[in-house]
N, C-alpha and C. Protein backbone atom coordinates (compact mmCIF):
# COMPACT_ATOMS: atom_id res chain seq x y z
N MET A 1 -2.19 -8.41 -17.52
CA MET A 1 -4.07 -8.33 -17.40
C MET A 1 -4.37 -6.84 -17.90
N GLU A 2 -5.45 -6.78 -17.10
CA GLU A 2 -6.29 -5.56 -17.99
C GLU A 2 -5.39 -4.16 -17.38
N ASN A 3 -5.65 -3.60 -18.04
CA ASN A 3 -4.92 -2.36 -17.68
C ASN A 3 -4.72 -2.71 -16.29
N GLU A 4 -3.74 -0.16 -17.95
CA GLU A 4 -2.22 0.89 -17.37
C GLU A 4 -2.53 1.82 -18.13
N ARG A 5 8.02 22.25 -18.70
CA ARG A 5 8.80 22.87 -19.79
C ARG A 5 9.21 24.11 -19.66
N SER A 6 10.07 23.45 -19.91
CA SER A 6 10.57 24.83 -18.93
C SER A 6 11.18 25.23 -20.56
N ASP A 7 11.40 26.83 -20.55
CA ASP A 7 12.08 27.88 -21.32
C ASP A 7 13.47 26.92 -21.62
N PRO A 8 14.07 26.96 -22.90
CA PRO A 8 15.46 26.70 -23.01
C PRO A 8 16.58 27.11 -22.44
N VAL A 9 17.63 26.67 -21.79
CA VAL A 9 18.59 27.26 -20.91
C VAL A 9 19.66 27.57 -22.01
N HIS A 10 20.35 28.33 -22.14
CA HIS A 10 21.63 28.17 -22.72
C HIS A 10 23.05 28.42 -21.98
N ILE A 11 23.67 27.18 -22.12
CA ILE A 11 24.65 26.58 -21.47
C ILE A 11 25.96 27.12 -22.34
N LYS A 12 26.97 27.39 -21.74
CA LYS A 12 28.06 27.68 -22.27
C LYS A 12 29.27 26.56 -21.72
N MET A 13 29.72 25.61 -22.93
CA MET A 13 30.06 24.28 -22.03
C MET A 13 31.49 24.80 -21.66
N PRO A 14 31.92 24.17 -20.89
CA PRO A 14 33.45 24.00 -20.46
C PRO A 14 34.24 23.48 -21.48
N SER A 15 35.31 23.53 -21.59
CA SER A 15 36.80 23.00 -22.60
C SER A 15 36.84 21.97 -22.34
N ALA A 16 37.01 21.94 -20.64
CA ALA A 16 36.99 19.98 -20.22
C ALA A 16 35.98 19.02 -20.23
N ALA A 17 34.80 20.00 -20.52
CA ALA A 17 33.56 18.90 -21.03
C ALA A 17 33.63 18.67 -22.16
N ILE A 18 34.13 19.70 -22.99
CA ILE A 18 34.46 18.94 -24.63
C ILE A 18 35.73 17.96 -24.42
N ALA A 19 36.51 18.37 -24.03
CA ALA A 19 37.74 16.96 -24.30
C ALA A 19 37.33 15.66 -24.03
N VAL A 20 36.28 16.12 -23.00
CA VAL A 20 35.86 14.87 -21.93
C VAL A 20 34.81 13.90 -23.45
N ALA A 21 33.51 15.00 -23.81
CA ALA A 21 33.22 14.42 -25.19
C ALA A 21 33.49 13.70 -25.95
N ALA A 22 35.09 15.01 -26.82
CA ALA A 22 35.63 14.14 -27.46
C ALA A 22 36.06 12.89 -26.86
N ALA A 23 36.91 12.84 -25.85
CA ALA A 23 37.28 11.45 -25.99
C ALA A 23 36.08 10.08 -25.80
N ALA A 24 35.00 10.64 -25.33
CA ALA A 24 34.07 9.71 -25.32
C ALA A 24 33.67 8.87 -26.76
N LEU A 25 34.10 10.44 -28.03
CA LEU A 25 33.14 9.80 -29.38
C LEU A 25 34.42 9.16 -29.80
N LEU A 26 35.96 9.26 -29.13
CA LEU A 26 36.88 8.52 -30.07
C LEU A 26 37.32 7.25 -29.37
N ALA A 27 36.63 6.59 -28.34
CA ALA A 27 36.09 6.11 -27.55
C ALA A 27 35.28 4.31 -28.11
N ALA A 28 34.13 5.34 -28.67
CA ALA A 28 33.14 4.74 -28.85
C ALA A 28 33.33 3.41 -30.01
N PRO A 29 33.74 3.76 -31.22
CA PRO A 29 34.30 2.60 -32.18
C PRO A 29 34.97 1.45 -31.23
N SER A 30 35.59 1.64 -30.29
CA SER A 30 35.92 0.24 -29.78
C SER A 30 34.70 0.03 -29.21
N HIS A 31 34.36 0.65 -28.24
CA HIS A 31 33.40 0.05 -27.39
C HIS A 31 32.48 -0.45 -28.39
N ALA A 32 31.77 0.07 -29.55
CA ALA A 32 31.17 -0.78 -30.66
C ALA A 32 31.37 -1.73 -30.98
N ALA A 33 33.26 -2.12 -31.83
CA ALA A 33 33.44 -3.19 -31.74
C ALA A 33 33.28 -4.23 -31.09
N GLU A 34 33.56 -3.94 -29.74
CA GLU A 34 33.25 -5.06 -29.00
C GLU A 34 31.63 -5.37 -28.68
N THR A 35 30.55 -4.36 -28.57
CA THR A 35 29.40 -4.56 -28.48
C THR A 35 29.03 -5.63 -29.75
N ASP A 36 29.63 -5.29 -31.29
CA ASP A 36 28.79 -6.23 -32.36
C ASP A 36 29.39 -7.27 -31.99
N ALA A 37 30.67 -7.55 -31.49
CA ALA A 37 31.71 -8.84 -31.46
C ALA A 37 30.84 -10.05 -30.45
N ALA A 38 30.27 -9.52 -29.28
CA ALA A 38 29.44 -9.82 -28.49
C ALA A 38 28.10 -10.33 -29.19
N ALA A 39 27.40 -9.91 -30.03
CA ALA A 39 25.87 -9.46 -30.41
C ALA A 39 26.60 -10.18 -31.78
N SER A 40 27.50 -10.15 -32.60
CA SER A 40 27.21 -11.29 -33.36
C SER A 40 27.55 -12.82 -33.01
N ALA A 41 28.45 -12.93 -31.42
CA ALA A 41 28.28 -14.62 -30.96
C ALA A 41 27.07 -15.14 -31.04
N ALA A 42 26.07 -14.25 -30.88
CA ALA A 42 24.72 -14.94 -30.03
C ALA A 42 23.60 -14.50 -31.50
N GLN A 43 24.28 -13.81 -32.69
CA GLN A 43 23.58 -13.96 -33.57
C GLN A 43 23.67 -14.94 -34.87
N THR A 44 23.15 -15.80 -34.02
CA THR A 44 23.56 -16.90 -35.35
C THR A 44 22.14 -18.16 -35.67
N SER A 45 21.69 -17.94 -36.83
CA SER A 45 20.71 -18.61 -37.33
C SER A 45 20.92 -20.28 -36.48
N GLY A 46 19.59 -20.72 -36.15
CA GLY A 46 19.97 -22.25 -35.26
C GLY A 46 18.52 -22.03 -34.72
N TRP A 47 18.57 -23.65 -33.94
CA TRP A 47 17.64 -24.13 -33.09
C TRP A 47 17.22 -23.74 -31.62
N PHE A 48 16.71 -23.44 -31.11
CA PHE A 48 16.86 -23.59 -29.60
C PHE A 48 16.25 -23.86 -28.45
N ALA A 49 16.48 -23.67 -27.12
CA ALA A 49 15.65 -24.26 -26.28
C ALA A 49 15.88 -23.65 -24.89
N ASN A 50 14.47 -22.95 -24.90
CA ASN A 50 14.06 -22.35 -23.46
C ASN A 50 13.62 -23.12 -22.14
N VAL A 51 13.79 -22.92 -21.12
CA VAL A 51 12.95 -23.63 -20.02
C VAL A 51 13.12 -22.54 -19.21
N GLY A 52 11.68 -22.10 -18.11
CA GLY A 52 11.50 -21.04 -17.12
C GLY A 52 11.06 -21.57 -16.07
N ALA A 53 11.28 -21.37 -14.40
CA ALA A 53 10.66 -21.24 -13.69
C ALA A 53 10.29 -19.98 -12.45
N GLY A 54 9.26 -19.64 -12.07
CA GLY A 54 8.65 -18.64 -11.78
C GLY A 54 7.77 -18.43 -10.70
N GLN A 55 6.78 -17.83 -10.66
CA GLN A 55 5.47 -17.28 -10.31
C GLN A 55 4.55 -16.98 -10.97
N SER A 56 3.03 -17.37 -10.61
CA SER A 56 2.67 -16.52 -11.51
C SER A 56 1.57 -15.85 -10.35
N THR A 57 0.59 -15.15 -11.26
CA THR A 57 0.14 -13.77 -10.67
C THR A 57 -1.55 -13.97 -11.06
N PHE A 58 -2.89 -14.22 -10.58
CA PHE A 58 -3.92 -13.97 -10.74
C PHE A 58 -4.63 -13.29 -10.19
N ASN A 59 -5.37 -12.28 -10.92
CA ASN A 59 -5.96 -11.32 -10.44
C ASN A 59 -7.77 -11.01 -10.76
N HIS A 60 -8.34 -12.20 -11.40
CA HIS A 60 -9.19 -11.99 -11.88
C HIS A 60 -10.61 -12.46 -10.95
N TYR A 61 -11.59 -11.70 -10.38
CA TYR A 61 -12.52 -12.10 -9.09
C TYR A 61 -13.33 -13.88 -9.81
N PRO A 62 -12.98 -14.83 -9.12
CA PRO A 62 -12.95 -14.44 -7.35
C PRO A 62 -11.41 -14.70 -7.12
N TYR A 63 -10.33 -15.26 -8.55
CA TYR A 63 -8.78 -15.63 -7.75
C TYR A 63 -8.10 -14.56 -7.52
N ARG A 64 -7.28 -14.36 -6.48
CA ARG A 64 -6.22 -13.45 -5.91
C ARG A 64 -5.67 -13.94 -5.85
N GLU A 65 -4.47 -15.06 -6.34
CA GLU A 65 -3.74 -15.66 -5.84
C GLU A 65 -1.98 -15.94 -6.76
N ASN A 66 -1.55 -16.67 -6.28
CA ASN A 66 -0.26 -16.86 -6.96
C ASN A 66 0.61 -18.41 -6.32
N ASP A 67 1.13 -18.52 -7.32
CA ASP A 67 1.65 -20.10 -7.25
C ASP A 67 2.68 -20.02 -8.24
N THR A 68 3.26 -21.30 -7.71
CA THR A 68 4.81 -22.09 -8.56
C THR A 68 4.71 -22.21 -10.15
N ALA A 69 4.71 -21.77 -10.67
CA ALA A 69 4.74 -22.24 -12.52
C ALA A 69 6.03 -22.29 -13.53
N GLY A 70 5.68 -22.29 -14.29
CA GLY A 70 6.77 -22.97 -14.98
C GLY A 70 5.93 -22.83 -16.98
N GLN A 71 7.02 -22.52 -17.84
CA GLN A 71 7.21 -22.86 -19.14
C GLN A 71 8.37 -23.48 -19.51
N ALA A 72 8.36 -24.12 -20.83
CA ALA A 72 9.32 -24.67 -21.73
C ALA A 72 8.97 -24.14 -22.99
N SER A 73 10.10 -24.01 -23.98
CA SER A 73 9.47 -23.69 -25.34
C SER A 73 10.95 -24.50 -26.40
N PHE A 74 10.77 -24.70 -27.89
CA PHE A 74 11.55 -24.54 -28.32
C PHE A 74 11.45 -24.44 -29.79
N GLY A 75 12.12 -23.76 -30.64
CA GLY A 75 12.15 -23.19 -31.95
C GLY A 75 13.26 -23.05 -32.73
N TYR A 76 12.77 -22.18 -33.44
CA TYR A 76 13.99 -21.34 -34.28
C TYR A 76 14.20 -19.82 -35.01
N ARG A 77 15.53 -19.60 -34.92
CA ARG A 77 15.49 -18.10 -35.01
C ARG A 77 16.76 -18.12 -36.18
N TRP A 78 16.23 -17.05 -37.30
CA TRP A 78 16.94 -16.27 -38.07
C TRP A 78 17.67 -15.16 -37.80
N ALA A 79 19.03 -14.60 -37.86
CA ALA A 79 19.40 -13.46 -38.28
C ALA A 79 19.56 -12.88 -39.02
N ALA A 80 19.10 -11.67 -38.30
CA ALA A 80 18.61 -10.37 -39.26
C ALA A 80 19.32 -9.08 -38.78
N GLY A 81 20.14 -9.01 -39.30
CA GLY A 81 20.88 -7.54 -39.09
C GLY A 81 21.20 -7.65 -37.47
N PRO A 82 21.03 -6.77 -36.44
CA PRO A 82 21.51 -7.02 -34.98
C PRO A 82 20.55 -7.71 -33.90
N ALA A 83 19.65 -8.75 -34.91
CA ALA A 83 18.43 -8.79 -34.24
C ALA A 83 18.54 -10.35 -34.58
N LEU A 84 17.79 -11.26 -34.16
CA LEU A 84 17.17 -12.85 -33.87
C LEU A 84 15.51 -12.55 -34.35
N PHE A 85 15.04 -13.40 -35.05
CA PHE A 85 13.26 -13.18 -35.40
C PHE A 85 13.67 -14.50 -35.77
N GLY A 86 12.36 -15.26 -34.46
CA GLY A 86 12.19 -16.55 -35.08
C GLY A 86 10.89 -17.33 -34.72
N VAL A 87 10.82 -18.69 -34.76
CA VAL A 87 9.01 -19.24 -34.22
C VAL A 87 9.23 -20.13 -32.86
N GLU A 88 8.19 -20.25 -32.42
CA GLU A 88 8.83 -20.94 -31.03
C GLU A 88 7.13 -22.25 -31.04
N ALA A 89 7.48 -23.15 -30.18
CA ALA A 89 6.31 -24.04 -29.54
C ALA A 89 6.56 -24.08 -27.85
N GLY A 90 5.37 -24.67 -27.56
CA GLY A 90 5.96 -24.78 -26.18
C GLY A 90 4.48 -25.30 -25.19
N TYR A 91 4.61 -25.31 -23.95
CA TYR A 91 3.99 -25.24 -22.58
C TYR A 91 4.07 -24.89 -21.63
N ALA A 92 3.13 -24.15 -21.38
CA ALA A 92 3.15 -23.71 -19.86
C ALA A 92 1.86 -23.86 -19.24
N ASP A 93 2.31 -24.44 -17.91
CA ASP A 93 1.26 -24.40 -16.55
C ASP A 93 1.65 -23.11 -15.46
N LEU A 94 0.73 -22.49 -15.49
CA LEU A 94 0.71 -21.31 -14.66
C LEU A 94 -0.22 -21.67 -12.93
N GLY A 95 0.06 -23.08 -12.65
CA GLY A 95 -0.41 -23.77 -11.41
C GLY A 95 -1.64 -23.35 -11.18
N ASN A 96 -1.57 -23.80 -10.07
CA ASN A 96 -3.39 -24.04 -8.96
C ASN A 96 -3.46 -22.20 -8.23
N PHE A 97 -4.97 -22.33 -8.35
CA PHE A 97 -5.01 -20.74 -7.44
C PHE A 97 -6.53 -20.99 -6.91
N ARG A 98 -6.34 -20.40 -6.11
CA ARG A 98 -8.11 -20.41 -4.96
C ARG A 98 -8.15 -18.96 -4.68
N PRO A 99 -9.57 -19.11 -4.49
CA PRO A 99 -10.04 -17.65 -4.62
C PRO A 99 -9.78 -16.63 -2.91
N LYS A 100 -9.54 -15.60 -2.81
CA LYS A 100 -8.92 -15.26 -2.16
C LYS A 100 -9.47 -14.92 -0.57
N SER A 101 -11.21 -15.01 -0.94
CA SER A 101 -11.58 -15.20 0.45
C SER A 101 -13.26 -16.07 0.05
N SER A 102 -13.04 -17.24 1.05
CA SER A 102 -13.77 -18.22 0.94
C SER A 102 -15.14 -17.74 1.61
N ALA A 103 -14.97 -16.72 2.29
CA ALA A 103 -16.35 -15.97 3.15
C ALA A 103 -17.12 -15.63 2.08
N SER A 104 -16.46 -14.54 0.85
CA SER A 104 -17.31 -13.51 0.05
C SER A 104 -17.68 -14.19 -1.50
N VAL A 105 -16.65 -15.26 -1.75
CA VAL A 105 -16.62 -16.09 -2.79
C VAL A 105 -16.83 -17.64 -2.54
N SER A 106 -17.72 -18.15 -1.40
CA SER A 106 -17.94 -19.12 -0.96
C SER A 106 -18.79 -19.86 -2.57
N GLY A 107 -18.28 -21.03 -2.59
CA GLY A 107 -18.59 -22.25 -3.54
C GLY A 107 -18.20 -21.87 -4.68
N TYR A 108 -16.70 -21.32 -4.60
CA TYR A 108 -15.88 -21.28 -5.47
C TYR A 108 -14.27 -22.64 -5.26
N ASP A 109 -14.21 -23.20 -5.76
CA ASP A 109 -12.93 -24.27 -5.48
C ASP A 109 -11.48 -23.68 -6.53
N PRO A 110 -10.66 -24.74 -5.84
CA PRO A 110 -9.35 -23.93 -6.61
C PRO A 110 -9.78 -24.42 -7.73
N ALA A 111 -8.92 -23.75 -8.95
CA ALA A 111 -8.62 -23.70 -10.37
C ALA A 111 -7.60 -24.00 -10.52
N ARG A 112 -7.22 -23.97 -11.88
CA ARG A 112 -5.85 -24.72 -12.27
C ARG A 112 -5.88 -23.51 -14.00
N LEU A 113 -4.60 -23.04 -14.84
CA LEU A 113 -4.74 -23.26 -15.97
C LEU A 113 -3.35 -23.67 -16.61
N ARG A 114 -3.58 -24.22 -17.80
CA ARG A 114 -2.01 -24.87 -18.39
C ARG A 114 -2.73 -24.93 -19.90
N GLY A 115 -1.36 -24.53 -20.50
CA GLY A 115 -1.79 -25.07 -22.10
C GLY A 115 -0.70 -24.80 -22.96
N TYR A 116 -0.91 -25.10 -24.26
CA TYR A 116 0.22 -25.09 -25.28
C TYR A 116 0.21 -23.75 -26.10
N THR A 117 1.84 -23.32 -26.19
CA THR A 117 1.96 -21.99 -27.07
C THR A 117 2.38 -21.86 -28.41
N LEU A 118 1.74 -21.32 -29.06
CA LEU A 118 2.85 -21.51 -30.82
C LEU A 118 2.50 -19.82 -31.21
N GLY A 119 4.04 -19.31 -31.54
CA GLY A 119 4.16 -17.97 -31.43
C GLY A 119 5.46 -17.94 -32.38
N VAL A 120 5.84 -16.04 -32.16
CA VAL A 120 7.05 -15.45 -32.91
C VAL A 120 7.79 -15.37 -31.51
N ASN A 121 9.32 -15.21 -31.88
CA ASN A 121 10.09 -14.40 -31.11
C ASN A 121 11.30 -13.22 -31.59
N THR A 122 11.75 -12.77 -30.62
CA THR A 122 12.94 -11.94 -31.10
C THR A 122 13.93 -11.86 -30.07
N HIS A 123 14.97 -11.93 -30.10
CA HIS A 123 16.77 -11.57 -29.37
C HIS A 123 17.36 -10.61 -29.96
N VAL A 124 17.32 -9.40 -29.07
CA VAL A 124 18.15 -8.30 -30.11
C VAL A 124 19.47 -8.16 -28.29
N ASN A 125 20.66 -8.36 -29.11
CA ASN A 125 21.77 -7.34 -28.17
C ASN A 125 21.58 -6.09 -28.21
N VAL A 126 21.71 -5.63 -26.64
CA VAL A 126 21.84 -4.21 -26.77
C VAL A 126 23.27 -3.23 -26.25
N ALA A 127 23.89 -4.08 -25.70
CA ALA A 127 24.93 -4.17 -25.49
C ALA A 127 25.74 -5.84 -25.41
N SER A 128 27.40 -5.23 -24.89
CA SER A 128 27.94 -6.21 -24.59
C SER A 128 27.13 -7.21 -23.77
N HIS A 129 27.25 -8.74 -24.27
CA HIS A 129 26.37 -9.78 -23.80
C HIS A 129 24.70 -9.56 -23.68
N TRP A 130 24.33 -8.03 -23.47
CA TRP A 130 23.36 -7.97 -22.68
C TRP A 130 21.97 -7.93 -24.06
N TYR A 131 20.74 -8.36 -23.25
CA TYR A 131 19.92 -8.69 -24.62
C TYR A 131 18.74 -8.59 -23.96
N LEU A 132 18.03 -7.82 -24.90
CA LEU A 132 16.57 -8.21 -24.61
C LEU A 132 15.43 -9.30 -25.52
N SER A 133 14.50 -9.14 -24.96
CA SER A 133 13.67 -10.57 -25.75
C SER A 133 12.04 -9.92 -26.05
N GLY A 134 11.29 -10.86 -27.16
CA GLY A 134 9.91 -10.67 -27.03
C GLY A 134 9.39 -11.34 -27.62
N ARG A 135 7.96 -12.03 -27.11
CA ARG A 135 7.42 -13.24 -27.77
C ARG A 135 5.53 -12.86 -27.46
N LEU A 136 5.08 -13.32 -28.85
CA LEU A 136 3.83 -12.99 -28.91
C LEU A 136 3.00 -14.34 -29.97
N GLY A 137 2.09 -14.92 -29.58
CA GLY A 137 1.56 -15.96 -30.12
C GLY A 137 0.21 -16.53 -29.55
N ALA A 138 -0.36 -17.65 -30.07
CA ALA A 138 -1.62 -18.66 -29.88
C ALA A 138 -1.30 -18.85 -28.08
N PHE A 139 -2.31 -19.14 -27.36
CA PHE A 139 -2.46 -19.72 -26.33
C PHE A 139 -3.71 -20.58 -26.12
N ASP A 140 -3.07 -22.21 -26.33
CA ASP A 140 -4.28 -23.45 -26.95
C ASP A 140 -4.59 -23.61 -24.64
N TRP A 141 -5.59 -23.42 -24.78
CA TRP A 141 -5.56 -23.49 -23.03
C TRP A 141 -6.24 -24.39 -22.48
N ILE A 142 -6.42 -24.63 -21.37
CA ILE A 142 -7.02 -25.41 -20.36
C ILE A 142 -7.11 -25.31 -19.32
N GLY A 143 -8.55 -25.25 -18.68
CA GLY A 143 -8.58 -24.29 -17.28
C GLY A 143 -9.57 -24.96 -16.53
N GLY A 144 -9.35 -25.25 -15.67
CA GLY A 144 -10.30 -26.51 -14.85
C GLY A 144 -10.74 -25.63 -13.07
N ARG A 145 -12.58 -25.28 -13.50
CA ARG A 145 -12.75 -24.57 -12.68
C ARG A 145 -13.97 -25.20 -11.58
N THR A 146 -14.55 -25.41 -10.24
CA THR A 146 -15.61 -25.90 -10.01
C THR A 146 -15.89 -24.89 -9.18
N TYR A 147 -17.51 -24.67 -9.43
CA TYR A 147 -18.15 -23.73 -8.70
C TYR A 147 -19.59 -24.53 -8.11
N THR A 148 -19.80 -24.10 -7.39
CA THR A 148 -21.20 -24.38 -6.78
C THR A 148 -22.55 -23.64 -6.91
N ASP A 149 -23.38 -24.16 -7.59
CA ASP A 149 -24.14 -23.31 -7.76
C ASP A 149 -25.46 -23.45 -6.65
N ALA A 150 -26.77 -22.39 -6.58
CA ALA A 150 -27.35 -21.99 -5.59
C ALA A 150 -28.36 -22.81 -4.53
N ALA A 151 -28.06 -24.37 -5.73
CA ALA A 151 -28.64 -26.04 -5.64
C ALA A 151 -27.93 -26.60 -5.24
N GLY A 152 -26.89 -26.04 -4.82
CA GLY A 152 -25.43 -27.03 -4.09
C GLY A 152 -25.22 -28.23 -5.08
N VAL A 153 -25.59 -27.83 -6.46
CA VAL A 153 -25.05 -29.04 -6.93
C VAL A 153 -22.87 -28.14 -8.15
N PRO A 154 -22.38 -28.65 -8.22
CA PRO A 154 -21.16 -28.63 -8.46
C PRO A 154 -21.15 -28.65 -10.12
N VAL A 155 -20.65 -27.42 -10.13
CA VAL A 155 -20.96 -27.32 -11.98
C VAL A 155 -19.51 -27.05 -12.08
N ASN A 156 -18.94 -28.49 -12.66
CA ASN A 156 -17.25 -28.06 -13.26
C ASN A 156 -17.05 -27.69 -14.65
N TYR A 157 -16.53 -26.39 -14.60
CA TYR A 157 -15.77 -25.27 -16.02
C TYR A 157 -14.59 -26.29 -16.26
N ASP A 158 -14.55 -26.99 -17.22
CA ASP A 158 -13.19 -28.08 -18.03
C ASP A 158 -13.30 -27.84 -19.10
N HIS A 159 -12.56 -29.20 -19.50
CA HIS A 159 -12.34 -28.72 -20.90
C HIS A 159 -13.87 -29.08 -21.58
N ASP A 160 -14.88 -29.48 -21.11
CA ASP A 160 -15.57 -29.87 -21.74
C ASP A 160 -16.88 -29.33 -21.27
N ASN A 161 -16.94 -28.18 -20.15
CA ASN A 161 -17.55 -27.23 -20.18
C ASN A 161 -17.15 -25.45 -20.56
N ARG A 162 -16.32 -25.60 -21.42
CA ARG A 162 -16.14 -23.97 -21.81
C ARG A 162 -14.94 -23.55 -21.34
N GLY A 163 -14.47 -24.41 -20.41
CA GLY A 163 -13.30 -24.07 -19.18
C GLY A 163 -12.09 -24.29 -20.50
N TRP A 164 -12.03 -23.79 -21.64
CA TRP A 164 -10.80 -23.99 -22.72
C TRP A 164 -11.05 -23.13 -23.81
N GLY A 165 -10.22 -22.66 -24.36
CA GLY A 165 -10.32 -21.88 -25.91
C GLY A 165 -8.88 -21.60 -26.20
N VAL A 166 -8.92 -20.96 -27.22
CA VAL A 166 -7.70 -20.41 -27.74
C VAL A 166 -7.66 -19.14 -27.42
N ASP A 167 -6.69 -18.53 -27.00
CA ASP A 167 -6.32 -16.72 -26.86
C ASP A 167 -5.01 -16.57 -27.23
N TYR A 168 -4.33 -15.68 -26.51
CA TYR A 168 -3.26 -15.11 -26.46
C TYR A 168 -2.05 -15.05 -25.56
N TYR A 169 -0.90 -15.28 -25.88
CA TYR A 169 -0.05 -14.81 -24.86
C TYR A 169 1.06 -13.82 -25.99
N ALA A 170 1.58 -12.80 -24.69
CA ALA A 170 2.68 -11.81 -24.83
C ALA A 170 4.10 -11.78 -23.68
N GLY A 171 4.90 -11.67 -24.16
CA GLY A 171 5.90 -11.07 -22.88
C GLY A 171 6.85 -10.61 -23.72
N VAL A 172 8.05 -10.17 -22.40
CA VAL A 172 8.88 -9.60 -22.60
C VAL A 172 9.70 -9.77 -21.44
N GLY A 173 11.50 -9.93 -21.97
CA GLY A 173 12.48 -10.37 -21.11
C GLY A 173 14.05 -9.34 -21.39
N ALA A 174 14.56 -10.08 -20.39
CA ALA A 174 15.87 -9.11 -20.64
C ALA A 174 17.31 -10.03 -19.89
N GLY A 175 18.29 -9.92 -20.57
CA GLY A 175 18.97 -11.29 -19.94
C GLY A 175 19.91 -10.90 -20.38
N TYR A 176 21.23 -11.84 -20.03
CA TYR A 176 23.42 -12.03 -20.35
C TYR A 176 23.21 -13.32 -20.87
N ASP A 177 23.71 -12.87 -22.50
CA ASP A 177 24.66 -14.14 -23.39
C ASP A 177 25.73 -14.58 -22.59
N PHE A 178 25.72 -15.70 -22.10
CA PHE A 178 27.08 -16.03 -21.39
C PHE A 178 28.03 -16.45 -22.52
N ASN A 179 28.01 -16.83 -23.68
CA ASN A 179 28.08 -16.81 -25.08
C ASN A 179 27.53 -17.32 -25.92
N PRO A 180 28.15 -17.60 -27.29
CA PRO A 180 26.73 -17.92 -28.34
C PRO A 180 26.08 -18.95 -27.99
N HIS A 181 25.84 -20.02 -27.26
CA HIS A 181 24.94 -20.66 -26.85
C HIS A 181 24.32 -20.53 -26.07
N LEU A 182 24.74 -20.01 -24.54
CA LEU A 182 23.97 -20.25 -23.28
C LEU A 182 23.54 -18.89 -22.45
N SER A 183 22.04 -18.83 -22.02
CA SER A 183 21.86 -17.18 -22.36
C SER A 183 21.20 -17.90 -20.62
N LEU A 184 20.57 -16.70 -20.10
CA LEU A 184 20.25 -16.46 -18.54
C LEU A 184 19.12 -14.91 -18.86
N GLY A 185 18.06 -15.24 -17.91
CA GLY A 185 16.85 -14.31 -18.65
C GLY A 185 16.03 -14.34 -17.23
N LEU A 186 15.59 -12.77 -17.37
CA LEU A 186 14.35 -12.91 -16.30
C LEU A 186 13.26 -12.19 -17.38
N ASN A 187 11.98 -12.69 -17.45
CA ASN A 187 10.88 -12.22 -18.17
C ASN A 187 9.39 -12.62 -17.37
N TYR A 188 8.94 -11.52 -18.22
CA TYR A 188 7.42 -11.73 -17.67
C TYR A 188 6.26 -11.86 -19.26
N ASP A 189 5.26 -12.72 -18.79
CA ASP A 189 4.48 -13.58 -20.04
C ASP A 189 3.12 -12.94 -19.54
N TYR A 190 2.05 -12.70 -20.50
CA TYR A 190 0.27 -12.56 -19.86
C TYR A 190 0.11 -13.35 -20.40
N PHE A 191 -0.95 -14.35 -20.29
CA PHE A 191 -1.53 -15.37 -21.10
C PHE A 191 -2.86 -15.16 -20.43
N ARG A 192 -3.74 -14.75 -22.30
CA ARG A 192 -4.99 -14.59 -21.62
C ARG A 192 -6.12 -15.97 -21.77
N ALA A 193 -6.77 -15.64 -20.99
CA ALA A 193 -7.48 -17.17 -20.88
C ALA A 193 -8.96 -16.78 -20.36
N LYS A 194 -9.61 -16.71 -21.05
CA LYS A 194 -11.53 -16.28 -21.13
C LYS A 194 -12.08 -16.89 -21.94
N GLN A 195 -13.20 -17.21 -21.55
CA GLN A 195 -14.06 -17.95 -22.58
C GLN A 195 -15.59 -17.87 -21.52
N ASP A 196 -16.31 -17.19 -22.05
CA ASP A 196 -17.71 -17.01 -21.68
C ASP A 196 -17.37 -16.60 -19.95
N THR A 197 -17.98 -16.62 -18.90
CA THR A 197 -17.81 -16.52 -17.95
C THR A 197 -16.85 -16.91 -17.23
N VAL A 198 -15.71 -17.55 -18.03
CA VAL A 198 -14.58 -17.92 -17.01
C VAL A 198 -13.94 -17.48 -17.44
N ASN A 199 -12.93 -16.36 -16.28
CA ASN A 199 -11.38 -15.75 -16.95
C ASN A 199 -10.26 -16.01 -15.94
N LEU A 200 -9.43 -16.90 -16.76
CA LEU A 200 -8.42 -17.62 -15.67
C LEU A 200 -7.16 -16.65 -16.28
N SER A 201 -7.58 -15.66 -16.76
CA SER A 201 -6.45 -14.90 -17.20
C SER A 201 -5.13 -14.69 -16.31
N GLY A 202 -4.06 -14.61 -16.49
CA GLY A 202 -2.74 -14.51 -15.72
C GLY A 202 -1.29 -14.13 -16.36
N GLY A 203 -0.79 -13.70 -15.52
CA GLY A 203 0.95 -13.42 -15.57
C GLY A 203 1.69 -14.61 -15.38
N LEU A 204 2.50 -14.48 -15.58
CA LEU A 204 4.02 -15.52 -15.21
C LEU A 204 5.66 -14.55 -15.40
N THR A 205 6.16 -14.52 -13.86
CA THR A 205 7.35 -14.39 -14.00
C THR A 205 8.53 -15.44 -14.05
N THR A 206 8.93 -15.32 -14.78
CA THR A 206 9.99 -16.79 -14.64
C THR A 206 11.82 -15.85 -14.82
N VAL A 207 12.45 -16.83 -14.47
CA VAL A 207 14.13 -16.79 -14.82
C VAL A 207 13.99 -17.98 -15.85
N SER A 208 15.08 -17.55 -16.58
CA SER A 208 14.88 -18.58 -17.58
C SER A 208 16.52 -19.05 -18.15
N ALA A 209 16.57 -20.15 -18.45
CA ALA A 209 17.83 -20.59 -19.09
C ALA A 209 17.59 -20.80 -20.87
N GLU A 210 18.05 -20.43 -21.36
CA GLU A 210 18.24 -20.55 -22.73
C GLU A 210 19.37 -21.36 -23.99
N TYR A 211 19.06 -22.36 -24.04
CA TYR A 211 20.55 -23.62 -25.21
C TYR A 211 19.89 -23.17 -26.41
N ARG A 212 20.85 -22.84 -27.07
CA ARG A 212 21.53 -22.40 -28.81
C ARG A 212 22.03 -23.33 -29.71
N PHE A 213 21.71 -23.90 -30.39
CA PHE A 213 22.30 -25.24 -31.07
C PHE A 213 23.07 -24.91 -31.75
């Protein structure tokens, strides 16, 4: 959503600390080999499918609401060194939400946000089995919202009334690769959905499962 010295001290290193540091350096190659092996297990070019469920959050007047939400995507990634880079397409439903205070924003009825996604993503192993991920792309959204004007006439901001558009989504995540095919992660994605006076932008926090073919 929208927004977000000290002087150097010279310390004499004890010999014990030097010994510990040397041992750590000697152990680093074997640990790196283990990390590389785990990383290479997931760094395989191919198709993937991802599904996540969690909670959406809306914080634009007059909506201050959370709801159960989810998303699903599929795509293809290419291995490039220690990382995977790919393309994806999917669908996100951020659920329904209501005005926080019916007294202060009377006339607004519940709204809904959902749409299709198309973008790029990355999956990078940073330690044995652990990974970081990122995604960015276009969000083709439809948002239903009804407002009763001063004359008492319902104004429906839906597909035919500018309650739709193409904006963007962006997200980050972290998780665990159980094996070369299956991962479990925690993600946060922001979906911008604003057109004229309609602002239904929201965030989505999910737990996701991914399968790589």
